[in-house]
Amino acid sequence: MEAPLTEIQSSPVPAAPVPPAAPLPFVEYVRTVRDNAIAAFHRDVYREWIVDRKLWKLHTFIVNDPAGIKHVLVDNADNYIKGNIEQRISGTPSDNAFSTKEDWRERRRTMSSSFDYRSVLGNSSVILDSAQALLARWSALPKGAVIEVSAEMARLTLEVISRILFSSDSAELAPIMERTFAHQPEKIFDLLDFAPLLDRPWAAYKRFKGRRQFTEFNDSIDRLIAKRTREGTQANDLLGRLMREEATETGRVLSAEQIHGQIITVVGAGHQSVALALTWIWYLLAQHPLHEARLHAELDQALAGRAPALDDFARLPYTRMVIEEALRLYPPFPILAWREALADDEVCGVKIPKGATVSIVPWVLHRHQELWDHPERFDPERFSSDRARERSRYAYLPFGTGPRVCIGASFAMTQLTLILATLGQHYRLRLVAGHLVEPQGLISLRPRYGLKTTLESRH
């Protein structure tokens, strides 16, 4: 069932860049993507199933057809890898970031137990404790205090992830993590990524800069590993489990470099994606008081003022719908990794030549005019069980899909639900008058100027 037309007409349209009327020329396209990648997608991209475009030497296809997405990411996933273009533009600190399928499977195996239901259940107390600590900080602020929401949510989720990673040592590592991840490069690419003879040295330089960025963090992890080894500490946090993990092929414990890589992946994706999702949720609720009131009514009835728990999730269906709709409008990572076709293929009747780049863009997919009614509107009811059943599962990809689906998706949804339910029982956030909210989509999707709001107690 769709939202009433009168409600749709009266609701403000969430902030989004206006798409260009036509494809941008190459130099202007690169300049736009460097500043805000989601602003470079022209109008037709939001209504075509497959967009075929050549940009200088780059032949790229944007796939929006759910059947085509299933083919690329699931049915024929082995034919589409993070290819040369992805390696050239990546600022990853590791030369081994684009590993073989066997290496990737081994890394995924070592992480799987950290995100199963038992781990999520055990970590829920950490999430709730951190949310309660934030409530205490907010309650100490003067009435009408202005907060920067994106910074508050980043600090909260970083505290959660640092405690899960390092338990009692998190107080020492948290400020180092905050310094390390506060200045992650966000640019997707530069003209030098495409320059003959210069592209490879440029990529090597970016990897060098990436390694330097993580030097303090990696050194701190090494010192902690040495300390625990020396003292015989058997912590049951994520670092402790990684230290005890053995590689399937060799039977040896993981190397320091492997542990670094796993932890950086968890921190970078685990805390950043949840912090950004929460930021956009607060923005949308502040813009839509009717939806906010319905959320508050559900929280008040289901929880009656007590802290939420995992077994409350079934009693919070509208809370889940709010989260899922926010992830549709503002996916924390708006563009999935570009993939290169290893061999000629055909996707929904379109020939994909060997070496071409295939891109799947949640920002576009989630706003596609053929897949969503009034796609620019905030309508949590889209994710009611009846309406969700009518949609292809490949029309909605906030966590990706297929073999490389985000392994922490369940953990992210747990954090989002517990944090929103905890904070939403006590506060509403009101946008500061005149504050400009502009989505800036690079590697992640964040409000360019932050999100300034006034704290307003509900009690």
Protein backbone atom coordinates (compact mmCIF):
# COMPACT_ATOMS: atom_id res chain seq x y z
CA MET A 1 0.00 0.00 0.00
CA GLU A 2 1.42 3.38 -1.03
CA ALA A 3 1.54 6.41 1.21
CA PRO A 4 -1.46 8.73 0.72
CA LEU A 5 -0.91 11.20 -2.12
CA THR A 6 -1.62 14.18 0.14
CA GLU A 7 1.12 13.05 2.53
CA ILE A 8 3.57 12.61 -0.35
CA GLN A 9 2.76 16.05 -1.75
CA SER A 10 3.20 17.75 1.63
CA SER A 11 6.47 16.01 2.50
CA PRO A 12 9.74 17.81 1.73
CA VAL A 13 11.98 16.19 -0.85
CA PRO A 14 15.22 14.99 0.78
CA ALA A 15 18.37 16.73 -0.42
CA ALA A 16 19.99 15.39 -3.59
CA PRO A 17 22.02 16.93 -6.43
CA VAL A 18 20.11 17.81 -9.60
CA PRO A 19 21.20 15.37 -12.35
CA PRO A 20 22.73 16.89 -15.51
CA ALA A 21 20.37 16.79 -18.49
CA ALA A 22 22.95 14.99 -20.65
CA PRO A 23 26.20 13.03 -20.19
CA LEU A 24 29.10 15.24 -19.15
CA PRO A 25 32.22 15.57 -21.36
CA PHE A 26 35.21 13.60 -20.07
CA VAL A 27 37.16 16.41 -18.37
CA GLU A 28 34.03 17.89 -16.78
CA TYR A 29 32.95 14.39 -15.73
CA VAL A 30 36.27 13.75 -13.96
CA ARG A 31 36.15 17.18 -12.32
CA THR A 32 32.60 16.54 -11.09
CA VAL A 33 33.35 13.03 -9.84
CA ARG A 34 36.35 14.30 -7.87
CA ASP A 35 34.04 16.70 -6.03
CA ASN A 36 30.77 14.72 -5.84
CA ALA A 37 30.41 11.50 -7.81
CA ILE A 38 26.64 11.25 -7.41
CA ALA A 39 26.28 14.63 -9.16
CA ALA A 40 27.80 13.22 -12.36
CA PHE A 41 24.98 10.78 -13.20
CA HIS A 42 22.83 12.36 -15.90
CA ARG A 43 19.05 12.22 -15.97
CA ASP A 44 18.69 9.19 -18.26
CA VAL A 45 20.74 6.99 -15.92
CA TYR A 46 17.78 7.03 -13.52
CA ARG A 47 15.36 5.58 -16.09
CA GLU A 48 17.44 3.28 -18.30
CA TRP A 49 18.17 -0.35 -17.45
CA ILE A 50 21.73 -0.42 -18.77
CA VAL A 51 23.77 2.68 -19.58
CA ASP A 52 26.64 2.20 -22.07
CA ARG A 53 29.22 4.96 -22.11
CA LYS A 54 32.78 5.44 -23.32
CA LEU A 55 34.96 7.89 -21.43
CA TRP A 56 38.28 8.21 -23.22
CA LYS A 57 39.80 4.73 -22.85
CA LEU A 58 37.25 3.62 -20.29
CA HIS A 59 34.27 1.65 -21.63
CA THR A 60 31.76 1.41 -18.81
CA PHE A 61 28.29 -0.02 -18.29
CA ILE A 62 26.00 1.00 -15.43
CA VAL A 63 23.59 -1.87 -14.75
CA ASN A 64 20.23 -1.04 -13.14
CA ASP A 65 18.18 -4.03 -14.29
CA PRO A 66 17.70 -6.36 -11.28
CA ALA A 67 18.08 -9.41 -13.54
CA GLY A 68 21.33 -7.95 -14.88
CA ILE A 69 22.60 -7.20 -11.38
CA LYS A 70 21.88 -10.80 -10.37
CA HIS A 71 23.81 -12.01 -13.41
CA VAL A 72 26.86 -9.82 -12.68
CA LEU A 73 27.04 -10.22 -8.90
CA VAL A 74 25.69 -13.75 -8.44
CA ASP A 75 25.24 -15.99 -11.47
CA ASN A 76 28.42 -15.03 -13.32
CA ALA A 77 30.31 -13.31 -10.52
CA ASP A 78 33.60 -15.04 -11.39
CA ASN A 79 33.69 -13.12 -14.67
CA TYR A 80 33.57 -9.72 -12.96
CA ILE A 81 36.50 -8.78 -10.75
CA LYS A 82 37.97 -5.65 -9.28
CA GLY A 83 40.04 -4.96 -12.35
CA ASN A 84 42.76 -2.66 -13.60
CA ILE A 85 40.77 0.56 -13.30
CA GLU A 86 39.82 -0.23 -9.71
CA GLN A 87 43.43 -0.97 -8.86
CA ARG A 88 44.66 2.22 -10.53
CA ILE A 89 42.28 4.52 -8.69
CA SER A 90 42.36 2.79 -5.32
CA GLY A 91 44.15 4.46 -2.47
CA THR A 92 44.27 1.24 -0.46
CA PRO A 93 47.38 0.98 1.69
CA SER A 94 48.06 -2.63 0.68
CA ASP A 95 49.52 -3.95 -2.54
CA ASN A 96 47.59 -7.16 -1.83
CA ALA A 97 44.15 -5.56 -1.55
CA PHE A 98 43.11 -7.06 -4.87
CA SER A 99 43.79 -10.67 -4.00
CA THR A 100 42.98 -14.00 -5.55
CA LYS A 101 39.61 -15.60 -4.95
CA GLU A 102 41.28 -18.13 -2.64
CA ASP A 103 42.86 -15.36 -0.53
CA TRP A 104 39.55 -13.53 -0.34
CA ARG A 105 37.71 -16.68 0.75
CA GLU A 106 40.32 -17.30 3.44
CA ARG A 107 39.95 -13.77 4.79
CA ARG A 108 36.17 -14.07 4.75
CA ARG A 109 36.34 -17.39 6.61
CA THR A 110 38.47 -15.90 9.36
CA MET A 111 35.97 -13.08 9.85
CA SER A 112 32.72 -15.04 9.61
CA SER A 113 32.61 -16.13 13.26
CA SER A 114 32.96 -12.50 14.34
CA PHE A 115 29.66 -11.59 12.71
CA ASP A 116 27.50 -14.65 13.40
CA TYR A 117 24.42 -14.44 15.63
CA ARG A 118 26.28 -15.43 18.81
CA SER A 119 28.81 -12.64 18.29
CA VAL A 120 26.09 -10.10 17.52
CA LEU A 121 24.24 -11.20 20.65
CA GLY A 122 27.38 -10.86 22.75
CA ASN A 123 28.19 -7.45 21.28
CA SER A 124 24.71 -6.01 21.81
CA SER A 125 25.59 -5.06 25.40
CA VAL A 126 28.55 -3.02 24.10
CA ILE A 127 26.26 -1.18 21.68
CA LEU A 128 23.73 -0.42 24.39
CA ASP A 129 26.35 0.66 26.94
CA SER A 130 27.89 3.06 24.42
CA ALA A 131 24.48 4.48 23.48
CA GLN A 132 23.64 5.00 27.16
CA ALA A 133 26.95 6.81 27.65
CA LEU A 134 26.03 9.14 24.78
CA LEU A 135 22.64 9.78 26.38
CA ALA A 136 24.42 10.76 29.59
CA ARG A 137 26.67 13.19 27.68
CA TRP A 138 23.67 14.73 25.93
CA SER A 139 21.72 15.09 29.18
CA ALA A 140 24.60 17.14 30.63
CA LEU A 141 24.37 19.68 27.80
CA PRO A 142 22.37 22.90 28.29
CA LYS A 143 18.82 23.06 26.95
CA GLY A 144 18.75 23.82 23.22
CA ALA A 145 22.35 22.72 22.69
CA VAL A 146 23.48 22.44 19.06
CA ILE A 147 25.33 19.27 18.10
CA GLU A 148 27.07 18.15 14.92
CA VAL A 149 25.28 14.86 14.31
CA SER A 150 27.76 13.23 11.93
CA ALA A 151 30.60 13.79 14.41
CA GLU A 152 28.48 12.51 17.32
CA MET A 153 27.48 9.35 15.44
CA ALA A 154 31.05 8.72 14.25
CA ARG A 155 32.33 9.02 17.84
CA LEU A 156 29.62 6.66 19.08
CA THR A 157 30.17 3.94 16.48
CA LEU A 158 33.94 4.22 16.81
CA GLU A 159 33.57 3.58 20.54
CA VAL A 160 31.43 0.51 19.81
CA ILE A 161 33.83 -0.95 17.28
CA SER A 162 36.94 -0.19 19.36
CA ARG A 163 35.47 -1.99 22.39
CA ILE A 164 34.54 -4.99 20.25
CA LEU A 165 37.99 -5.08 18.69
CA PHE A 166 40.16 -4.38 21.75
CA SER A 167 37.92 -4.77 24.86
CA SER A 168 39.78 -3.36 27.88
CA ASP A 169 42.50 -1.87 25.67
CA SER A 170 39.99 0.19 23.66
CA ALA A 171 40.60 3.37 25.66
CA GLU A 172 44.22 3.37 24.46
CA LEU A 173 43.42 2.52 20.83
CA ALA A 174 40.26 4.63 20.31
CA PRO A 175 41.96 8.05 19.97
CA ILE A 176 44.52 6.56 17.59
CA MET A 177 41.70 5.06 15.51
CA GLU A 178 39.91 8.41 15.49
CA ARG A 179 43.01 10.21 14.20
CA THR A 180 43.66 7.52 11.61
CA PHE A 181 40.20 7.37 10.10
CA ALA A 182 39.37 11.08 10.38
CA HIS A 183 41.39 11.91 7.28
CA GLN A 184 40.77 8.99 4.97
CA PRO A 185 41.07 10.00 1.31
CA GLU A 186 37.65 10.25 -0.30
CA LYS A 187 38.45 11.23 -3.88
CA ILE A 188 37.44 8.50 -6.32
CA PHE A 189 40.00 9.31 -9.02
CA ASP A 190 42.17 11.98 -10.65
CA LEU A 191 43.14 12.63 -14.25
CA LEU A 192 46.52 11.06 -13.42
CA ASP A 193 44.72 7.73 -12.90
CA PHE A 194 44.18 7.67 -16.67
CA ALA A 195 47.47 9.21 -17.84
CA PRO A 196 49.69 6.90 -19.96
CA LEU A 197 52.99 6.04 -18.26
CA LEU A 198 52.03 8.06 -15.17
CA ASP A 199 49.08 5.99 -13.96
CA ARG A 200 51.11 3.17 -12.36
CA PRO A 201 53.59 5.44 -10.48
CA TRP A 202 50.60 7.52 -9.33
CA ALA A 203 48.84 4.40 -8.02
CA ALA A 204 52.03 3.34 -6.21
CA TYR A 205 52.31 6.81 -4.65
CA LYS A 206 48.72 6.64 -3.39
CA ARG A 207 49.38 3.24 -1.83
CA PHE A 208 52.49 4.69 -0.16
CA LYS A 209 50.41 7.54 1.29
CA GLY A 210 47.81 5.02 2.44
CA ARG A 211 50.43 2.97 4.27
CA ARG A 212 51.76 6.11 5.99
CA GLN A 213 48.26 7.00 7.13
CA PHE A 214 47.95 3.67 8.96
CA THR A 215 51.48 3.56 10.42
CA GLU A 216 50.52 4.75 13.92
CA PHE A 217 47.48 2.46 14.06
CA ASN A 218 49.35 -0.61 12.83
CA ASP A 219 52.23 0.04 15.23
CA SER A 220 49.76 0.28 18.11
CA ILE A 221 48.18 -3.05 17.13
CA ASP A 222 51.64 -4.63 16.95
CA ARG A 223 52.50 -3.36 20.43
CA LEU A 224 49.21 -4.70 21.78
CA ILE A 225 49.79 -8.10 20.16
CA ALA A 226 53.31 -8.22 21.65
CA LYS A 227 51.97 -7.24 25.07
CA ARG A 228 49.26 -9.90 25.05
CA THR A 229 51.70 -12.52 23.79
CA ARG A 230 54.20 -11.61 26.51
CA GLU A 231 51.56 -11.66 29.26
CA GLY A 232 49.73 -14.69 27.91
CA THR A 233 46.45 -12.73 27.72
CA GLN A 234 43.61 -14.67 26.05
CA ALA A 235 41.09 -11.89 25.40
CA ASN A 236 37.88 -12.88 23.66
CA ASP A 237 37.64 -9.67 21.65
CA LEU A 238 38.09 -9.62 17.89
CA LEU A 239 41.84 -9.04 18.11
CA GLY A 240 42.18 -12.02 20.45
CA ARG A 241 40.23 -14.26 18.07
CA LEU A 242 42.33 -13.13 15.11
CA MET A 243 45.52 -13.85 17.08
CA ARG A 244 44.30 -17.42 17.68
CA GLU A 245 42.97 -17.92 14.14
CA GLU A 246 44.81 -20.31 11.85
CA ALA A 247 44.91 -20.15 8.07
CA THR A 248 43.26 -23.17 6.46
CA GLU A 249 46.02 -23.83 3.92
CA THR A 250 49.10 -23.46 6.14
CA GLY A 251 47.75 -24.15 9.61
CA ARG A 252 49.73 -21.14 10.80
CA VAL A 253 48.41 -18.22 12.80
CA LEU A 254 47.67 -15.05 10.89
CA SER A 255 50.55 -12.69 10.19
CA ALA A 256 50.63 -9.16 11.58
CA GLU A 257 49.86 -7.81 8.10
CA GLN A 258 46.83 -10.08 7.79
CA ILE A 259 45.55 -8.99 11.20
CA HIS A 260 46.10 -5.33 10.26
CA GLY A 261 44.09 -5.80 7.08
CA GLN A 262 41.19 -7.49 8.83
CA ILE A 263 40.97 -4.84 11.54
CA ILE A 264 41.23 -1.93 9.12
CA THR A 265 38.41 -3.45 7.05
CA VAL A 266 36.19 -3.87 10.11
CA VAL A 267 36.84 -0.35 11.41
CA GLY A 268 36.63 1.39 8.05
CA ALA A 269 33.39 -0.25 6.95
CA GLY A 270 31.88 -1.21 10.31
CA HIS A 271 31.92 2.13 12.09
CA GLN A 272 31.77 4.47 9.09
CA SER A 273 28.76 2.89 7.39
CA VAL A 274 26.69 2.82 10.59
CA ALA A 275 27.66 6.37 11.56
CA LEU A 276 26.68 7.71 8.15
CA ALA A 277 23.42 5.76 8.10
CA LEU A 278 22.47 7.15 11.52
CA THR A 279 23.34 10.66 10.39
CA TRP A 280 20.97 10.43 7.43
CA ILE A 281 18.26 8.81 9.55
CA TRP A 282 18.29 11.78 11.94
CA TYR A 283 18.18 14.17 8.97
CA LEU A 284 15.17 12.41 7.43
CA LEU A 285 13.27 12.22 10.71
CA ALA A 286 13.87 15.92 11.34
CA GLN A 287 12.41 16.65 7.89
CA HIS A 288 9.37 14.38 8.35
CA PRO A 289 7.64 14.94 11.72
CA LEU A 290 4.71 12.62 10.91
CA HIS A 291 7.04 9.67 10.33
CA GLU A 292 9.06 10.69 13.37
CA ALA A 293 5.92 10.72 15.53
CA ARG A 294 4.98 7.23 14.33
CA LEU A 295 8.49 5.98 15.18
CA HIS A 296 8.28 7.51 18.66
CA ALA A 297 4.86 5.96 19.25
CA GLU A 298 6.21 2.52 18.37
CA LEU A 299 9.25 2.93 20.63
CA ASP A 300 7.13 4.15 23.53
CA GLN A 301 4.62 1.32 23.22
CA ALA A 302 7.10 -1.52 22.63
CA LEU A 303 9.76 -0.48 25.15
CA ALA A 304 7.91 1.61 27.74
CA GLY A 305 11.07 3.53 28.55
CA ARG A 306 13.41 0.58 29.08
CA ALA A 307 16.50 -0.12 26.98
CA PRO A 308 15.88 -2.21 23.83
CA ALA A 309 17.21 -5.74 23.37
CA LEU A 310 17.61 -8.11 20.43
CA ASP A 311 14.35 -9.89 21.19
CA ASP A 312 12.52 -6.55 20.81
CA PHE A 313 13.24 -6.40 17.09
CA ALA A 314 10.01 -8.18 16.15
CA ARG A 315 8.11 -5.48 18.08
CA LEU A 316 9.82 -2.66 16.17
CA PRO A 317 8.74 -3.14 12.53
CA TYR A 318 8.38 0.57 11.79
CA THR A 319 11.81 1.28 13.24
CA ARG A 320 13.22 -1.25 10.79
CA MET A 321 11.27 0.34 7.91
CA VAL A 322 12.66 3.79 8.77
CA ILE A 323 16.20 2.40 8.73
CA GLU A 324 15.73 0.54 5.45
CA GLU A 325 14.19 3.56 3.72
CA ALA A 326 17.05 5.77 4.93
CA LEU A 327 19.53 3.24 3.52
CA ARG A 328 17.64 3.39 0.22
CA LEU A 329 17.81 7.17 -0.08
CA TYR A 330 21.29 7.55 1.38
CA PRO A 331 23.33 4.31 1.04
CA PRO A 332 26.55 4.85 3.05
CA PHE A 333 28.60 3.57 0.10
CA PRO A 334 26.78 4.92 -2.96
CA ILE A 335 28.85 3.16 -5.64
CA LEU A 336 29.87 -0.49 -5.49
CA ALA A 337 33.39 -1.40 -6.60
CA TRP A 338 33.90 -1.19 -10.35
CA ARG A 339 34.26 -4.59 -11.93
CA GLU A 340 36.15 -5.61 -15.06
CA ALA A 341 34.79 -8.29 -17.41
CA LEU A 342 37.34 -11.10 -17.79
CA ALA A 343 35.59 -12.41 -20.91
CA ASP A 344 32.92 -11.31 -23.34
CA ASP A 345 29.46 -11.60 -21.83
CA GLU A 346 25.87 -10.58 -22.36
CA VAL A 347 23.74 -8.84 -19.73
CA CYS A 348 20.03 -8.48 -20.46
CA GLY A 349 20.68 -8.57 -24.20
CA VAL A 350 23.57 -6.07 -24.08
CA LYS A 351 27.02 -7.24 -25.18
CA ILE A 352 29.71 -6.67 -22.54
CA PRO A 353 33.15 -6.86 -24.17
CA LYS A 354 36.15 -8.31 -22.40
CA GLY A 355 37.94 -5.60 -20.41
CA ALA A 356 34.89 -3.37 -20.07
CA THR A 357 34.01 -1.93 -16.67
CA VAL A 358 30.65 -2.80 -15.12
CA SER A 359 29.33 -0.55 -12.38
CA ILE A 360 26.39 -1.02 -10.03
CA VAL A 361 25.40 2.17 -8.25
CA PRO A 362 23.05 1.92 -5.24
CA TRP A 363 22.55 5.70 -5.32
CA VAL A 364 21.06 5.38 -8.83
CA LEU A 365 19.46 1.97 -8.39
CA HIS A 366 17.56 3.08 -5.28
CA ARG A 367 16.18 6.12 -7.14
CA HIS A 368 15.42 4.40 -10.45
CA GLN A 369 12.09 5.59 -11.80
CA GLU A 370 11.06 2.16 -13.07
CA LEU A 371 11.71 0.43 -9.76
CA TRP A 372 10.28 2.82 -7.16
CA ASP A 373 7.12 4.94 -6.84
CA HIS A 374 8.06 8.58 -6.16
CA PRO A 375 11.69 7.46 -5.64
CA GLU A 376 12.82 10.86 -4.37
CA ARG A 377 10.41 10.74 -1.40
CA PHE A 378 10.95 9.40 2.11
CA ASP A 379 8.34 6.66 2.56
CA PRO A 380 9.22 3.96 5.14
CA GLU A 381 6.07 2.01 4.17
CA ARG A 382 7.92 0.87 1.03
CA PHE A 383 9.48 -1.72 3.30
CA SER A 384 6.30 -3.10 4.77
CA SER A 385 6.17 -6.84 4.19
CA ASP A 386 3.42 -6.56 1.53
CA ARG A 387 5.17 -3.95 -0.59
CA ALA A 388 8.63 -5.44 -0.18
CA ARG A 389 7.40 -8.78 -1.55
CA GLU A 390 6.45 -7.06 -4.81
CA ARG A 391 10.04 -5.94 -5.45
CA SER A 392 13.06 -7.80 -6.74
CA ARG A 393 15.66 -8.32 -4.03
CA TYR A 394 18.22 -6.96 -6.51
CA ALA A 395 16.53 -3.55 -6.63
CA TYR A 396 17.85 -2.72 -3.15
CA LEU A 397 21.52 -3.20 -2.32
CA PRO A 398 22.67 -1.15 0.69
CA PHE A 399 25.06 -3.97 1.62
CA GLY A 400 25.72 -5.39 -1.84
CA THR A 401 24.78 -8.96 -2.74
CA GLY A 402 26.22 -12.22 -4.00
CA PRO A 403 29.44 -13.86 -2.76
CA ARG A 404 30.86 -10.50 -1.68
CA VAL A 405 27.80 -9.28 0.20
CA CYS A 406 28.82 -7.28 3.27
CA ILE A 407 29.59 -9.85 5.96
CA GLY A 408 28.70 -7.31 8.65
CA ALA A 409 25.22 -6.46 7.34
CA SER A 410 23.42 -8.14 10.25
CA PHE A 411 25.72 -6.47 12.77
CA ALA A 412 25.15 -3.08 11.10
CA MET A 413 21.37 -3.49 11.26
CA THR A 414 21.66 -4.50 14.92
CA GLN A 415 23.65 -1.36 15.71
CA LEU A 416 21.27 0.87 13.79
CA THR A 417 18.19 -0.55 15.49
CA LEU A 418 19.56 -0.53 19.04
CA ILE A 419 21.07 2.96 18.75
CA LEU A 420 18.04 4.52 17.06
CA ALA A 421 15.68 2.92 19.57
CA THR A 422 17.81 3.98 22.55
CA LEU A 423 18.34 7.60 21.51
CA GLY A 424 14.93 8.02 19.89
CA GLN A 425 13.13 7.27 23.14
CA HIS A 426 14.65 10.34 24.76
CA TYR A 427 15.47 12.89 22.06
CA ARG A 428 14.37 14.38 18.79
CA LEU A 429 16.82 16.35 16.68
CA ARG A 430 15.80 19.56 14.93
CA LEU A 431 17.74 20.98 11.99
CA VAL A 432 19.41 24.31 12.70
CA ALA A 433 17.65 26.99 10.65
CA GLY A 434 19.60 27.92 7.55
CA HIS A 435 22.02 25.00 7.77
CA LEU A 436 22.67 23.67 4.27
CA VAL A 437 22.45 19.90 3.88
CA GLU A 438 24.14 18.65 0.70
CA PRO A 439 24.85 14.95 0.09
CA GLN A 440 28.40 14.49 -1.13
CA GLY A 441 29.01 11.04 -2.58
CA LEU A 442 32.59 9.99 -3.02
CA ILE A 443 33.72 6.66 -1.58
CA SER A 444 31.15 7.20 1.15
CA LEU A 445 28.03 9.38 1.25
CA ARG A 446 28.20 12.17 3.81
CA PRO A 447 26.67 15.62 4.32
CA ARG A 448 29.23 17.99 2.83
CA TYR A 449 28.81 20.58 5.59
CA GLY A 450 27.97 18.17 8.37
CA LEU A 451 24.56 18.05 10.04
CA LYS A 452 23.91 20.66 12.72
CA THR A 453 20.85 20.04 14.87
CA THR A 454 19.33 21.26 18.12
CA LEU A 455 18.82 18.65 20.82
CA GLU A 456 15.24 18.52 22.04
CA SER A 457 14.28 16.27 24.95
CA ARG A 458 11.07 14.28 24.50
CA HIS A 459 10.37 14.27 28.25
